[in-house]
PDB file of N, CA and C in Angstrom:
ATOM      1  N   MET A   1      17.716  36.281 -93.458  1.00  0.00           N
ATOM      2  CA  MET A   1      16.734  37.316 -93.231  1.00  0.00           C
ATOM      3  C   MET A   1      15.659  36.819 -92.377  1.00  0.00           C
ATOM      4  N   GLN A   2      15.329  37.427 -91.229  1.00  0.00           N
ATOM      5  CA  GLN A   2      14.252  37.151 -90.276  1.00  0.00           C
ATOM      6  C   GLN A   2      12.670  37.473 -90.791  1.00  0.00           C
ATOM      7  N   LYS A   3      11.860  36.551 -90.897  1.00  0.00           N
ATOM      8  CA  LYS A   3      10.343  37.106 -91.110  1.00  0.00           C
ATOM      9  C   LYS A   3       9.886  38.264 -90.192  1.00  0.00           C
ATOM     10  N   THR A   4       9.544  39.103 -90.822  1.00  0.00           N
ATOM     11  CA  THR A   4       8.696  40.059 -89.878  1.00  0.00           C
ATOM     12  C   THR A   4       7.129  39.612 -89.920  1.00  0.00           C
ATOM     13  N   ASN A   5       6.602  39.248 -88.522  1.00  0.00           N
ATOM     14  CA  ASN A   5       5.266  38.666 -88.483  1.00  0.00           C
ATOM     15  C   ASN A   5       4.381  39.779 -87.903  1.00  0.00           C
ATOM     16  N   ILE A   6       3.635  40.070 -88.650  1.00  0.00           N
ATOM     17  CA  ILE A   6       2.733  41.356 -88.451  1.00  0.00           C
ATOM     18  C   ILE A   6       1.296  40.517 -87.961  1.00  0.00           C
ATOM     19  N   LEU A   7       0.846  40.596 -86.715  1.00  0.00           N
ATOM     20  CA  LEU A   7      -0.414  40.170 -86.342  1.00  0.00           C
ATOM     21  C   LEU A   7      -1.613  41.144 -86.424  1.00  0.00           C
ATOM     22  N   LYS A   8      -2.615  40.713 -86.659  1.00  0.00           N
ATOM     23  CA  LYS A   8      -3.709  41.504 -87.047  1.00  0.00           C
ATOM     24  C   LYS A   8      -5.028  40.589 -86.686  1.00  0.00           C
ATOM     25  N   PHE A   9      -5.957  41.476 -85.742  1.00  0.00           N
ATOM     26  CA  PHE A   9      -6.862  40.774 -85.396  1.00  0.00           C
ATOM     27  C   PHE A   9      -7.855  42.288 -85.018  1.00  0.00           C
ATOM     28  N   TYR A  10      -9.424  41.489 -84.808  1.00  0.00           N
ATOM     29  CA  TYR A  10     -10.075  42.511 -84.728  1.00  0.00           C
ATOM     30  C   TYR A  10     -10.620  42.562 -83.042  1.00  0.00           C
ATOM     31  N   MET A  11     -10.516  43.868 -82.618  1.00  0.00           N
ATOM     32  CA  MET A  11     -11.125  44.425 -81.570  1.00  0.00           C
ATOM     33  C   MET A  11     -12.013  45.427 -81.492  1.00  0.00           C
ATOM     34  N   ARG A  12     -13.061  45.366 -80.793  1.00  0.00           N
ATOM     35  CA  ARG A  12     -13.952  46.253 -80.883  1.00  0.00           C
ATOM     36  C   ARG A  12     -14.418  46.877 -82.324  1.00  0.00           C
ATOM     37  N   GLY A  13     -14.241  46.073 -83.279  1.00  0.00           N
ATOM     38  CA  GLY A  13     -14.969  46.256 -84.637  1.00  0.00           C
ATOM     39  C   GLY A  13     -13.727  47.027 -85.313  1.00  0.00           C
ATOM     40  N   ASP A  14     -12.703  47.465 -84.922  1.00  0.00           N
ATOM     41  CA  ASP A  14     -11.419  47.732 -85.327  1.00  0.00           C
ATOM     42  C   ASP A  14     -10.195  46.496 -85.573  1.00  0.00           C
ATOM     43  N   ILE A  15      -9.762  46.675 -86.710  1.00  0.00           N
ATOM     44  CA  ILE A  15      -8.537  45.694 -87.156  1.00  0.00           C
ATOM     45  C   ILE A  15      -7.322  46.408 -86.741  1.00  0.00           C
ATOM     46  N   ILE A  16      -6.717  45.682 -85.538  1.00  0.00           N
ATOM     47  CA  ILE A  16      -5.618  45.898 -84.797  1.00  0.00           C
ATOM     48  C   ILE A  16      -4.359  45.301 -85.453  1.00  0.00           C
ATOM     49  N   ALA A  17      -3.157  46.109 -86.029  1.00  0.00           N
ATOM     50  CA  ALA A  17      -2.052  45.296 -86.365  1.00  0.00           C
ATOM     51  C   ALA A  17      -1.017  45.538 -85.652  1.00  0.00           C
ATOM     52  N   PHE A  18      -0.062  44.815 -85.151  1.00  0.00           N
ATOM     53  CA  PHE A  18       1.285  45.117 -84.317  1.00  0.00           C
ATOM     54  C   PHE A  18       2.386  43.809 -84.521  1.00  0.00           C
ATOM     55  N   VAL A  19       3.380  44.496 -84.599  1.00  0.00           N
ATOM     56  CA  VAL A  19       4.794  43.292 -84.535  1.00  0.00           C
ATOM     57  C   VAL A  19       4.970  42.774 -83.188  1.00  0.00           C
ATOM     58  N   PRO A  20       4.886  41.562 -82.970  1.00  0.00           N
ATOM     59  CA  PRO A  20       5.302  41.208 -81.531  1.00  0.00           C
ATOM     60  C   PRO A  20       6.976  41.152 -81.429  1.00  0.00           C
ATOM     61  N   LYS A  21       7.362  41.745 -80.303  1.00  0.00           N
ATOM     62  CA  LYS A  21       8.632  42.306 -79.935  1.00  0.00           C
ATOM     63  C   LYS A  21       9.479  40.598 -80.097  1.00  0.00           C
ATOM     64  N   SER A  22      10.890  40.753 -80.564  1.00  0.00           N
ATOM     65  CA  SER A  22      11.684  39.937 -80.327  1.00  0.00           C
ATOM     66  C   SER A  22      11.964  39.634 -78.721  1.00  0.00           C
ATOM     67  N   THR A  23      12.122  38.295 -78.520  1.00  0.00           N
ATOM     68  CA  THR A  23      12.296  37.685 -77.208  1.00  0.00           C
ATOM     69  C   THR A  23      13.312  37.666 -76.756  1.00  0.00           C
ATOM     70  N   LYS A  24      14.761  37.817 -78.025  1.00  0.00           N
ATOM     71  CA  LYS A  24      16.016  37.222 -77.662  1.00  0.00           C
ATOM     72  C   LYS A  24      16.652  38.510 -77.304  1.00  0.00           C
ATOM     73  N   LYS A  25      16.455  39.836 -77.574  1.00  0.00           N
ATOM     74  CA  LYS A  25      17.002  40.937 -76.776  1.00  0.00           C
ATOM     75  C   LYS A  25      16.006  41.280 -75.347  1.00  0.00           C
ATOM     76  N   LYS A  26      16.142  40.657 -74.884  1.00  0.00           N
ATOM     77  CA  LYS A  26      15.592  41.121 -73.215  1.00  0.00           C
ATOM     78  C   LYS A  26      16.142  42.400 -72.397  1.00  0.00           C
ATOM     79  N   GLU A  27      15.276  42.922 -72.147  1.00  0.00           N
ATOM     80  CA  GLU A  27      15.655  44.179 -71.300  1.00  0.00           C
ATOM     81  C   GLU A  27      15.357  43.942 -70.052  1.00  0.00           C
ATOM     82  N   PRO A  28      16.070  44.713 -69.149  1.00  0.00           N
ATOM     83  CA  PRO A  28      15.695  44.659 -67.718  1.00  0.00           C
ATOM     84  C   PRO A  28      14.193  44.990 -67.055  1.00  0.00           C
ATOM     85  N   ALA A  29      13.411  44.089 -66.500  1.00  0.00           N
ATOM     86  CA  ALA A  29      11.946  44.464 -66.352  1.00  0.00           C
ATOM     87  C   ALA A  29      11.755  44.220 -65.104  1.00  0.00           C
ATOM     88  N   SER A  30      10.547  44.473 -64.623  1.00  0.00           N
ATOM     89  CA  SER A  30       9.773  44.288 -63.338  1.00  0.00           C
ATOM     90  C   SER A  30       8.644  43.824 -63.181  1.00  0.00           C
ATOM     91  N   TYR A  31       8.119  43.016 -62.133  1.00  0.00           N
ATOM     92  CA  TYR A  31       7.021  42.276 -62.067  1.00  0.00           C
ATOM     93  C   TYR A  31       6.017  42.674 -61.615  1.00  0.00           C
ATOM     94  N   LYS A  32       4.894  42.701 -62.210  1.00  0.00           N
ATOM     95  CA  LYS A  32       3.267  43.921 -62.310  1.00  0.00           C
ATOM     96  C   LYS A  32       2.184  42.808 -62.326  1.00  0.00           C
ATOM     97  N   SER A  33       1.534  42.706 -61.434  1.00  0.00           N
ATOM     98  CA  SER A  33       0.273  41.748 -61.752  1.00  0.00           C
ATOM     99  C   SER A  33      -0.894  42.531 -62.260  1.00  0.00           C
ATOM    100  N   LEU A  34      -1.862  42.164 -62.976  1.00  0.00           N
ATOM    101  CA  LEU A  34      -2.783  42.522 -63.863  1.00  0.00           C
ATOM    102  C   LEU A  34      -4.014  41.828 -63.731  1.00  0.00           C
ATOM    103  N   TYR A  35      -5.425  42.282 -63.225  1.00  0.00           N
ATOM    104  CA  TYR A  35      -6.283  41.876 -63.273  1.00  0.00           C
ATOM    105  C   TYR A  35      -7.103  41.789 -64.594  1.00  0.00           C
ATOM    106  N   ILE A  36      -7.094  40.345 -65.064  1.00  0.00           N
ATOM    107  CA  ILE A  36      -7.748  40.874 -66.723  1.00  0.00           C
ATOM    108  C   ILE A  36      -9.198  39.795 -67.128  1.00  0.00           C
ATOM    109  N   LYS A  37      -9.942  40.443 -67.469  1.00  0.00           N
ATOM    110  CA  LYS A  37     -11.119  39.625 -67.911  1.00  0.00           C
ATOM    111  C   LYS A  37     -10.872  38.258 -68.881  1.00  0.00           C
ATOM    112  N   GLU A  38     -11.567  37.370 -68.174  1.00  0.00           N
ATOM    113  CA  GLU A  38     -11.504  36.024 -68.833  1.00  0.00           C
ATOM    114  C   GLU A  38     -11.509  36.118 -70.310  1.00  0.00           C
ATOM    115  N   LYS A  39     -12.389  36.915 -70.634  1.00  0.00           N
ATOM    116  CA  LYS A  39     -12.645  37.099 -72.348  1.00  0.00           C
ATOM    117  C   LYS A  39     -11.186  37.609 -72.673  1.00  0.00           C
ATOM    118  N   LEU A  40     -10.649  38.405 -72.084  1.00  0.00           N
ATOM    119  CA  LEU A  40      -9.484  38.998 -73.084  1.00  0.00           C
ATOM    120  C   LEU A  40      -8.626  37.884 -72.780  1.00  0.00           C
ATOM    121  N   ILE A  41      -8.069  37.306 -71.739  1.00  0.00           N
ATOM    122  CA  ILE A  41      -7.543  36.467 -71.534  1.00  0.00           C
ATOM    123  C   ILE A  41      -7.658  35.295 -72.693  1.00  0.00           C
ATOM    124  N   LYS A  42      -8.627  34.881 -72.976  1.00  0.00           N
ATOM    125  CA  LYS A  42      -9.129  33.836 -73.887  1.00  0.00           C
ATOM    126  C   LYS A  42      -8.456  34.273 -75.392  1.00  0.00           C
ATOM    127  N   GLU A  43      -8.822  35.632 -75.681  1.00  0.00           N
ATOM    128  CA  GLU A  43      -8.476  36.348 -77.070  1.00  0.00           C
ATOM    129  C   GLU A  43      -6.931  36.078 -77.112  1.00  0.00           C
ATOM    130  N   VAL A  44      -6.431  36.428 -76.103  1.00  0.00           N
ATOM    131  CA  VAL A  44      -4.855  36.984 -76.210  1.00  0.00           C
ATOM    132  C   VAL A  44      -4.280  35.581 -76.294  1.00  0.00           C
ATOM    133  N   GLU A  45      -4.236  34.769 -75.658  1.00  0.00           N
ATOM    134  CA  GLU A  45      -4.065  33.222 -75.415  1.00  0.00           C
ATOM    135  C   GLU A  45      -4.097  32.556 -77.095  1.00  0.00           C
ATOM    136  N   LYS A  46      -5.355  32.984 -77.721  1.00  0.00           N
ATOM    137  CA  LYS A  46      -5.428  32.687 -78.968  1.00  0.00           C
ATOM    138  C   LYS A  46      -4.495  32.942 -80.305  1.00  0.00           C
ATOM    139  N   ILE A  47      -4.303  34.723 -79.784  1.00  0.00           N
ATOM    140  CA  ILE A  47      -3.135  35.067 -80.779  1.00  0.00           C
ATOM    141  C   ILE A  47      -2.232  34.676 -80.447  1.00  0.00           C
ATOM    142  N   ALA A  48      -1.614  34.615 -79.241  1.00  0.00           N
ATOM    143  CA  ALA A  48      -0.233  33.865 -79.071  1.00  0.00           C
ATOM    144  C   ALA A  48      -0.063  32.398 -79.692  1.00  0.00           C
ATOM    145  N   LYS A  49      -0.742  31.623 -79.412  1.00  0.00           N
ATOM    146  CA  LYS A  49      -0.949  30.209 -80.138  1.00  0.00           C
ATOM    147  C   LYS A  49      -0.860  30.516 -81.378  1.00  0.00           C
ATOM    148  N   GLU A  50      -1.621  31.077 -82.271  1.00  0.00           N
ATOM    149  CA  GLU A  50      -1.542  31.382 -83.475  1.00  0.00           C
ATOM    150  C   GLU A  50      -0.396  31.715 -84.004  1.00  0.00           C
ATOM    151  N   ASN A  51       0.475  32.540 -83.283  1.00  0.00           N
ATOM    152  CA  ASN A  51       1.638  33.284 -83.838  1.00  0.00           C
ATOM    153  C   ASN A  51       2.926  32.541 -83.084  1.00  0.00           C
ATOM    154  N   ASN A  52       2.678  31.577 -82.450  1.00  0.00           N
ATOM    155  CA  ASN A  52       3.817  30.862 -81.836  1.00  0.00           C
ATOM    156  C   ASN A  52       4.874  31.417 -80.930  1.00  0.00           C
ATOM    157  N   THR A  53       4.059  32.461 -79.887  1.00  0.00           N
ATOM    158  CA  THR A  53       4.589  33.263 -79.189  1.00  0.00           C
ATOM    159  C   THR A  53       4.155  33.326 -77.849  1.00  0.00           C
ATOM    160  N   SER A  54       4.500  33.896 -77.028  1.00  0.00           N
ATOM    161  CA  SER A  54       3.810  33.678 -75.578  1.00  0.00           C
ATOM    162  C   SER A  54       2.673  34.876 -75.295  1.00  0.00           C
ATOM    163  N   PHE A  55       1.942  34.835 -74.287  1.00  0.00           N
ATOM    164  CA  PHE A  55       0.932  35.303 -73.813  1.00  0.00           C
ATOM    165  C   PHE A  55       1.870  36.914 -73.348  1.00  0.00           C
ATOM    166  N   ASN A  56       2.632  36.668 -72.611  1.00  0.00           N
ATOM    167  CA  ASN A  56       3.501  37.702 -72.500  1.00  0.00           C
ATOM    168  C   ASN A  56       3.807  38.974 -73.247  1.00  0.00           C
ATOM    169  N   ASN A  57       4.307  38.219 -74.211  1.00  0.00           N
ATOM    170  CA  ASN A  57       4.823  38.781 -75.443  1.00  0.00           C
ATOM    171  C   ASN A  57       3.868  39.823 -76.203  1.00  0.00           C
ATOM    172  N   VAL A  58       2.744  39.095 -76.341  1.00  0.00           N
ATOM    173  CA  VAL A  58       1.470  39.548 -77.115  1.00  0.00           C
ATOM    174  C   VAL A  58       0.941  40.860 -76.051  1.00  0.00           C
ATOM    175  N   ILE A  59       1.030  40.752 -74.849  1.00  0.00           N
ATOM    176  CA  ILE A  59       0.666  41.744 -73.949  1.00  0.00           C
ATOM    177  C   ILE A  59       1.367  42.998 -74.042  1.00  0.00           C
ATOM    178  N   ILE A  60       2.786  42.788 -73.962  1.00  0.00           N
ATOM    179  CA  ILE A  60       4.088  43.717 -73.988  1.00  0.00           C
ATOM    180  C   ILE A  60       4.143  44.258 -75.578  1.00  0.00           C
ATOM    181  N   SER A  61       3.828  43.537 -76.479  1.00  0.00           N
ATOM    182  CA  SER A  61       3.863  44.107 -77.771  1.00  0.00           C
ATOM    183  C   SER A  61       2.760  45.401 -77.739  1.00  0.00           C
ATOM    184  N   MET A  62       1.569  44.531 -77.532  1.00  0.00           N
ATOM    185  CA  MET A  62       0.192  45.492 -77.880  1.00  0.00           C
ATOM    186  C   MET A  62       0.494  46.899 -77.090  1.00  0.00           C
ATOM    187  N   ILE A  63       1.134  46.894 -75.674  1.00  0.00           N
ATOM    188  CA  ILE A  63       1.236  47.917 -74.947  1.00  0.00           C
ATOM    189  C   ILE A  63       2.183  48.751 -75.586  1.00  0.00           C
ATOM    190  N   GLU A  64       3.239  48.338 -75.761  1.00  0.00           N
ATOM    191  CA  GLU A  64       4.307  49.187 -76.439  1.00  0.00           C
ATOM    192  C   GLU A  64       3.845  49.944 -77.688  1.00  0.00           C
ATOM    193  N   GLN A  65       3.173  49.195 -78.849  1.00  0.00           N
ATOM    194  CA  GLN A  65       2.799  49.923 -79.851  1.00  0.00           C
ATOM    195  C   GLN A  65       1.945  50.830 -79.438  1.00  0.00           C
ATOM    196  N   CYS A  66       0.616  50.428 -78.631  1.00  0.00           N
ATOM    197  CA  CYS A  66      -0.168  51.647 -78.365  1.00  0.00           C
ATOM    198  C   CYS A  66       0.461  53.046 -77.752  1.00  0.00           C
ATOM    199  N   LEU A  67       1.387  52.679 -76.968  1.00  0.00           N
ATOM    200  CA  LEU A  67       2.040  53.617 -76.534  1.00  0.00           C
ATOM    201  C   LEU A  67       2.887  54.511 -77.159  1.00  0.00           C
ATOM    202  N   ASP A  68       3.664  53.953 -78.362  1.00  0.00           N
ATOM    203  CA  ASP A  68       4.422  54.553 -79.475  1.00  0.00           C
ATOM    204  C   ASP A  68       3.298  55.441 -80.390  1.00  0.00           C
ATOM    205  N   LYS A  69       2.109  55.145 -80.457  1.00  0.00           N
ATOM    206  CA  LYS A  69       1.085  55.709 -81.015  1.00  0.00           C
ATOM    207  C   LYS A  69       0.592  56.917 -80.696  1.00  0.00           C
ATOM    208  N   LYS A  70       0.957  57.563 -79.530  1.00  0.00           N
ATOM    209  CA  LYS A  70       0.453  58.772 -79.273  1.00  0.00           C
ATOM    210  C   LYS A  70       0.988  59.910 -79.508  1.00  0.00           C
TER     211      LYS A  70
END
């Protein structure tokens, strides 16, 4: 059984929790560039490192979870 890793972190005074997507089941994707504030880059890099996943996986997981909550 695979362990579900729920990531929790503080952002703007709120506790945010999300589960990073598995990178083993890749779906078709396209390239899109973003300009991200240095502070946010450092925060996301820290989350990725602490959870042994990629920067990209953290960003995509956050976006997908936010869109699912609409």
